[in-house]
Amino acid sequence: MMTIQSLSPQDAPAVAAMRQAASAHKGEKLGPEARPMFDAMFAATPSATDVRVEPATVGGIAGFWLRVPGAPPGARIIYIHGGGYVLGSAEAFTHFAGQIAARVGADTFVPDYRLAPVHPFPAAIDDAVAAYRGLVADGAERIVIVGDSAGGGLTLSLLSTIAADKTKGMVQPVGAAVMSPWTDLALTGDSFETRAKADPIFTRGVLQAFADMYLQGQDATNPTASPLYAELNSLPPIRIDVGDDELLLMDSIRYADRAKAAGVEVTLSVWQGMPHVFQSSIGHFLAAERSVDAIGDFLRQRLIDASPSISKPSET
């Protein structure tokens, strides 16, 4: 099911201001030297009330727990951050991931997976799998996976990897939510042409540079790198939120179409006027608040409300 979310009159001035500010930097290629800037941008997302941040290691992967009041012990979220496989850190995303953790009412682990170019494919997905298996080993009974951008691609790759894991007793995710997922590192979606002017942030060259640093000559259509090409049978319900004004629009639409054809329950929301991972601008865009609220509702229904064995978190 695809729904189109109209640009609200309240958001129009903020979007125009964002576009003007971003225009001077559009197309700038970003390597490891941009990590401090990128981290500062996401660290500026407002923190959610009463979310406690704890450094931790799960499945051998360092990261951070986001603890929320009244969280049921058997329910877990794993949040996989974006950054083109080159940028980003678990610590910088604790505020953003905490907004989702608070809405769902479940403890959330944010893994610090290894980054390219020092650690190319498949380091990132290997670490995501290790962290997921670590949650299972630590007693998680129900797990949902969340990710944005490249982290959204990792989330969807992780879903297919876990679905193919026939290990007896392997806990399967009960749902996933992704924001502006990068599902095709071969960059074949037609929105690279149709949204080339509309996207205020990216150009094909920027994303190609990220893909080159991550893949380092390996096949861009490898299903573990690009989940668009993966086996999609037996996946849990998935929610996808994407901006209408971004190069990666078709990465979401094509993945949703393939997943639906494979029998997966898919909810796709396309937000008019919105850029890549606009949800991180919560407090600035009304659409960000609405999208994060909807993501929280979607995940909570599947992680907590649908489980008779897990007590709902108390209201605080």
Protein backbone atom coordinates (compact mmCIF):
# COMPACT_ATOMS: atom_id res chain seq x y z
CA MET A 1 0.00 0.00 0.00
CA MET A 2 1.43 3.38 -1.03
CA THR A 3 0.16 6.67 0.35
CA ILE A 4 1.17 10.17 -0.72
CA GLN A 5 1.56 12.66 2.13
CA SER A 6 1.02 16.25 0.98
CA LEU A 7 3.41 19.04 1.93
CA SER A 8 1.73 20.99 4.72
CA PRO A 9 1.47 24.80 4.57
CA GLN A 10 3.31 24.89 7.92
CA ASP A 11 6.32 23.08 6.42
CA ALA A 12 6.57 25.01 3.15
CA PRO A 13 8.62 27.97 4.52
CA ALA A 14 10.99 25.67 6.45
CA VAL A 15 11.53 23.50 3.38
CA ALA A 16 12.27 26.56 1.24
CA ALA A 17 14.81 27.79 3.80
CA MET A 18 16.44 24.36 3.95
CA ARG A 19 16.74 24.24 0.17
CA GLN A 20 18.37 27.64 0.03
CA ALA A 21 20.87 26.71 2.74
CA ALA A 22 21.70 23.36 1.12
CA SER A 23 22.06 24.64 -2.43
CA ALA A 24 25.63 25.87 -1.97
CA HIS A 25 26.78 22.39 -0.91
CA LYS A 26 24.80 20.15 -3.26
CA GLY A 27 27.04 17.68 -5.02
CA GLU A 28 29.99 17.97 -2.66
CA LYS A 29 31.56 14.53 -2.33
CA LEU A 30 31.88 13.35 1.24
CA GLY A 31 34.65 11.12 2.54
CA PRO A 32 35.83 10.19 6.04
CA GLU A 33 36.93 13.79 6.63
CA ALA A 34 33.22 14.74 6.76
CA ARG A 35 32.47 12.51 9.75
CA PRO A 36 32.60 15.28 12.40
CA MET A 37 30.22 17.46 10.39
CA PHE A 38 27.85 14.59 9.72
CA ASP A 39 27.83 13.48 13.36
CA ALA A 40 27.18 17.03 14.56
CA MET A 41 24.20 17.30 12.20
CA PHE A 42 22.51 14.20 13.61
CA ALA A 43 23.53 14.88 17.20
CA ALA A 44 21.49 18.10 16.89
CA THR A 45 18.26 16.09 16.72
CA PRO A 46 16.39 16.80 19.97
CA SER A 47 16.65 14.07 22.57
CA ALA A 48 13.52 12.31 23.80
CA THR A 49 12.49 12.68 27.42
CA ASP A 50 13.63 9.98 29.85
CA VAL A 51 15.77 7.99 27.41
CA ARG A 52 18.96 6.83 29.13
CA VAL A 53 22.05 6.23 26.98
CA GLU A 54 24.46 3.46 27.98
CA PRO A 55 27.61 2.33 26.14
CA ALA A 56 27.53 -1.42 25.58
CA THR A 57 28.70 -4.32 23.43
CA VAL A 58 26.23 -6.76 21.88
CA GLY A 59 27.35 -9.74 19.83
CA GLY A 60 30.88 -8.40 19.92
CA ILE A 61 29.78 -5.09 18.35
CA ALA A 62 30.23 -1.88 20.35
CA GLY A 63 27.39 0.60 20.46
CA PHE A 64 24.84 2.19 22.74
CA TRP A 65 21.73 1.03 24.55
CA LEU A 66 18.84 3.47 24.70
CA ARG A 67 16.85 2.56 27.79
CA VAL A 68 13.26 3.72 28.19
CA PRO A 69 11.09 3.63 31.33
CA GLY A 70 8.90 0.56 31.68
CA ALA A 71 10.41 -1.26 28.70
CA PRO A 72 9.39 -4.94 28.56
CA PRO A 73 12.44 -7.19 28.94
CA GLY A 74 11.73 -9.42 25.96
CA ALA A 75 11.23 -6.70 23.34
CA ARG A 76 14.15 -5.07 21.54
CA ILE A 77 14.77 -2.59 18.73
CA ILE A 78 18.00 -2.51 16.76
CA TYR A 79 18.61 0.83 15.04
CA ILE A 80 21.11 0.88 12.14
CA HIS A 81 22.35 4.36 11.29
CA GLY A 82 22.94 5.85 7.86
CA GLY A 83 25.87 7.69 6.30
CA GLY A 84 26.59 6.05 2.96
CA TYR A 85 28.60 3.27 4.66
CA VAL A 86 31.34 5.90 5.16
CA LEU A 87 29.89 8.37 7.68
CA GLY A 88 27.93 8.21 10.91
CA SER A 89 28.33 6.75 14.38
CA ALA A 90 26.11 5.09 16.95
CA GLU A 91 26.74 7.88 19.43
CA ALA A 92 25.70 10.63 17.01
CA PHE A 93 22.40 8.85 16.32
CA THR A 94 21.38 8.25 19.93
CA HIS A 95 19.01 11.26 19.96
CA PHE A 96 17.36 10.35 16.67
CA ALA A 97 17.03 6.66 17.53
CA GLY A 98 15.87 7.66 21.01
CA GLN A 99 12.89 9.46 19.51
CA ILE A 100 11.75 6.15 18.04
CA ALA A 101 12.63 4.14 21.15
CA ALA A 102 10.49 6.46 23.29
CA ARG A 103 7.50 6.18 20.97
CA VAL A 104 7.66 2.41 20.80
CA GLY A 105 8.45 1.94 24.49
CA ALA A 106 11.27 -0.55 23.99
CA ASP A 107 14.98 -0.63 24.71
CA THR A 108 17.03 0.00 21.58
CA PHE A 109 20.56 -0.98 20.62
CA VAL A 110 22.49 1.18 18.12
CA PRO A 111 25.53 -0.73 16.82
CA ASP A 112 28.71 1.04 15.75
CA TYR A 113 29.28 -1.03 12.63
CA ARG A 114 32.57 -0.68 10.77
CA LEU A 115 32.83 1.97 8.05
CA ALA A 116 34.37 2.16 4.60
CA PRO A 117 36.81 2.75 3.06
CA VAL A 118 38.99 1.09 5.72
CA HIS A 119 36.33 -1.59 6.22
CA PRO A 120 34.60 -2.25 2.87
CA PHE A 121 31.70 -4.57 2.07
CA PRO A 122 30.70 -6.89 3.71
CA ALA A 123 31.96 -5.45 7.01
CA ALA A 124 28.82 -3.38 7.70
CA ILE A 125 26.31 -6.18 7.11
CA ASP A 126 28.52 -8.68 8.96
CA ASP A 127 28.45 -6.40 12.01
CA ALA A 128 24.69 -5.86 11.75
CA VAL A 129 24.14 -9.63 11.65
CA ALA A 130 26.47 -10.11 14.64
CA ALA A 131 24.60 -7.48 16.67
CA TYR A 132 21.23 -9.04 15.82
CA ARG A 133 22.41 -12.50 16.81
CA GLY A 134 23.82 -10.98 19.99
CA LEU A 135 20.38 -9.69 20.92
CA VAL A 136 18.95 -13.17 20.39
CA ALA A 137 21.72 -14.73 22.47
CA ASP A 138 20.98 -12.23 25.25
CA GLY A 139 17.37 -13.39 25.43
CA ALA A 140 15.41 -11.09 23.12
CA GLU A 141 12.05 -12.70 22.30
CA ARG A 142 10.74 -10.12 19.82
CA ILE A 143 12.87 -7.78 17.71
CA VAL A 144 12.16 -5.02 15.21
CA ILE A 145 14.80 -3.42 13.02
CA VAL A 146 14.95 0.27 12.07
CA GLY A 147 17.36 2.10 9.78
CA ASP A 148 17.83 5.20 7.66
CA SER A 149 19.51 5.67 4.29
CA ALA A 150 22.43 3.20 4.04
CA GLY A 151 21.27 1.93 7.42
CA GLY A 152 17.89 1.35 5.82
CA GLY A 153 19.59 -0.73 3.16
CA LEU A 154 21.41 -2.65 5.88
CA THR A 155 18.11 -3.18 7.68
CA LEU A 156 16.53 -4.73 4.60
CA SER A 157 19.64 -6.82 3.87
CA LEU A 158 19.56 -8.02 7.47
CA LEU A 159 15.91 -9.06 7.09
CA SER A 160 16.74 -11.29 4.12
CA THR A 161 19.87 -12.66 5.80
CA ILE A 162 18.00 -13.62 8.97
CA ALA A 163 15.09 -15.07 6.98
CA ALA A 164 17.56 -17.37 5.22
CA ASP A 165 19.12 -18.46 8.53
CA LYS A 166 17.65 -21.88 9.19
CA THR A 167 19.37 -22.21 12.56
CA LYS A 168 16.98 -23.89 14.96
CA GLY A 169 15.51 -21.37 17.34
CA MET A 170 16.70 -18.26 15.48
CA VAL A 171 14.32 -15.47 16.48
CA GLN A 172 12.92 -13.81 13.36
CA PRO A 173 12.18 -10.06 13.34
CA VAL A 174 8.50 -9.18 13.77
CA GLY A 175 8.76 -5.97 11.74
CA ALA A 176 11.03 -3.33 10.26
CA ALA A 177 10.85 0.37 9.45
CA VAL A 178 13.20 2.16 7.07
CA MET A 179 13.59 5.81 6.11
CA SER A 180 14.88 6.69 2.63
CA PRO A 181 16.56 3.27 2.28
CA TRP A 182 19.41 2.84 -0.20
CA THR A 183 18.42 -0.47 -1.76
CA ASP A 184 20.31 -0.39 -5.07
CA LEU A 185 24.01 0.47 -5.04
CA ALA A 186 24.02 0.03 -8.83
CA LEU A 187 22.08 3.32 -8.98
CA THR A 188 19.63 2.16 -11.65
CA GLY A 189 16.45 3.88 -10.42
CA ASP A 190 14.93 6.41 -12.82
CA SER A 191 14.58 8.95 -10.00
CA PHE A 192 18.29 9.69 -10.54
CA GLU A 193 16.98 11.56 -13.58
CA THR A 194 13.46 12.56 -12.57
CA ARG A 195 14.54 13.93 -9.16
CA ALA A 196 17.98 15.24 -10.12
CA LYS A 197 16.92 18.89 -9.73
CA ALA A 198 14.43 18.35 -6.93
CA ASP A 199 16.88 16.64 -4.55
CA PRO A 200 18.44 19.42 -2.44
CA ILE A 201 21.30 17.29 -1.13
CA PHE A 202 22.53 14.51 -3.40
CA THR A 203 23.78 14.05 -6.93
CA ARG A 204 24.50 10.74 -8.62
CA GLY A 205 28.21 11.47 -8.20
CA VAL A 206 27.93 11.74 -4.42
CA LEU A 207 26.19 8.39 -4.11
CA GLN A 208 28.51 6.76 -6.65
CA ALA A 209 31.50 7.86 -4.55
CA PHE A 210 29.95 6.29 -1.44
CA ALA A 211 29.22 3.06 -3.34
CA ASP A 212 32.78 2.93 -4.69
CA MET A 213 34.30 3.39 -1.23
CA TYR A 214 32.09 0.65 0.20
CA LEU A 215 32.14 -1.90 -2.63
CA GLN A 216 35.75 -1.40 -3.78
CA GLY A 217 35.14 -3.25 -7.02
CA GLN A 218 32.66 -5.84 -5.77
CA ASP A 219 29.34 -6.39 -7.56
CA ALA A 220 26.84 -3.62 -6.82
CA THR A 221 23.98 -6.04 -7.41
CA ASN A 222 25.18 -8.49 -4.76
CA PRO A 223 21.94 -9.02 -2.80
CA THR A 224 23.74 -8.59 0.52
CA ALA A 225 24.92 -5.13 -0.56
CA SER A 226 21.78 -4.13 -2.47
CA PRO A 227 18.64 -5.64 -0.93
CA LEU A 228 16.61 -4.76 -4.02
CA TYR A 229 18.13 -7.90 -5.56
CA ALA A 230 17.69 -10.14 -2.50
CA GLU A 231 15.25 -12.95 -1.85
CA LEU A 232 12.22 -11.26 -0.25
CA ASN A 233 10.02 -14.22 0.65
CA SER A 234 9.09 -14.78 4.30
CA LEU A 235 9.95 -11.25 5.45
CA PRO A 236 8.02 -9.58 8.29
CA PRO A 237 5.85 -6.46 7.80
CA ILE A 238 7.87 -3.47 6.57
CA ARG A 239 7.14 0.26 6.70
CA ILE A 240 9.02 2.54 4.26
CA ASP A 241 9.02 6.34 4.49
CA VAL A 242 10.71 8.37 1.74
CA GLY A 243 10.74 11.94 0.49
CA ASP A 244 9.25 12.65 -2.91
CA ASP A 245 12.14 15.02 -3.69
CA GLU A 246 15.06 12.62 -3.44
CA LEU A 247 17.22 10.64 -5.83
CA LEU A 248 16.54 7.45 -3.87
CA LEU A 249 12.77 7.65 -4.31
CA MET A 250 12.69 4.70 -6.71
CA ASP A 251 14.91 2.66 -4.38
CA SER A 252 11.92 2.66 -2.02
CA ILE A 253 9.19 2.23 -4.61
CA ARG A 254 10.89 -0.63 -6.47
CA TYR A 255 11.76 -2.45 -3.25
CA ALA A 256 8.17 -2.07 -2.01
CA ASP A 257 6.83 -3.41 -5.32
CA ARG A 258 9.15 -6.45 -5.22
CA ALA A 259 8.38 -7.15 -1.58
CA LYS A 260 4.63 -6.93 -2.15
CA ALA A 261 4.94 -9.32 -5.11
CA ALA A 262 6.74 -11.73 -2.77
CA GLY A 263 3.81 -11.64 -0.35
CA VAL A 264 5.30 -9.23 2.19
CA GLU A 265 3.06 -6.78 4.04
CA VAL A 266 4.47 -3.39 2.97
CA THR A 267 3.42 0.13 3.94
CA LEU A 268 4.99 2.85 1.77
CA SER A 269 4.56 6.55 2.56
CA VAL A 270 5.91 9.12 0.09
CA TRP A 271 6.18 12.61 1.60
CA GLN A 272 5.83 15.46 -0.88
CA GLY A 273 8.47 18.18 -0.74
CA MET A 274 10.61 16.25 1.73
CA PRO A 275 14.33 15.53 1.36
CA HIS A 276 16.42 12.51 2.33
CA VAL A 277 15.84 11.28 5.93
CA PHE A 278 13.76 14.37 6.73
CA GLN A 279 12.70 12.67 9.99
CA SER A 280 15.96 13.79 11.61
CA SER A 281 14.60 17.35 11.38
CA ILE A 282 12.03 16.64 14.05
CA GLY A 283 11.20 19.94 15.70
CA HIS A 284 11.68 21.78 12.39
CA PHE A 285 9.32 19.93 10.02
CA LEU A 286 5.80 18.91 10.96
CA ALA A 287 6.23 16.04 8.49
CA ALA A 288 9.16 14.74 10.53
CA GLU A 289 7.00 14.54 13.65
CA ARG A 290 4.15 12.88 11.76
CA SER A 291 6.44 10.34 10.12
CA VAL A 292 8.26 9.41 13.33
CA ASP A 293 4.91 9.09 15.15
CA ALA A 294 3.63 6.75 12.42
CA ILE A 295 6.83 4.70 12.51
CA GLY A 296 6.53 4.43 16.29
CA ASP A 297 2.90 3.28 16.03
CA PHE A 298 3.77 0.72 13.33
CA LEU A 299 6.62 -0.77 15.36
CA ARG A 300 4.80 -0.77 18.68
CA GLN A 301 1.82 -2.61 17.21
CA ARG A 302 4.09 -5.40 16.04
CA LEU A 303 6.67 -5.50 18.81
CA ILE A 304 4.56 -5.03 21.91
CA ASP A 305 0.81 -4.78 21.29
CA ALA A 306 0.68 -7.96 19.19
CA SER A 307 2.48 -10.08 21.79
CA PRO A 308 0.35 -11.69 24.50
CA SER A 309 3.50 -12.67 26.41
CA ILE A 310 5.00 -9.19 26.64
CA SER A 311 3.59 -6.66 29.04
CA LYS A 312 2.99 -3.21 27.64
CA PRO A 313 5.25 -0.50 29.10
CA SER A 314 3.68 1.58 31.81
CA GLU A 315 2.74 5.15 31.03
CA THR A 316 5.23 7.65 32.52
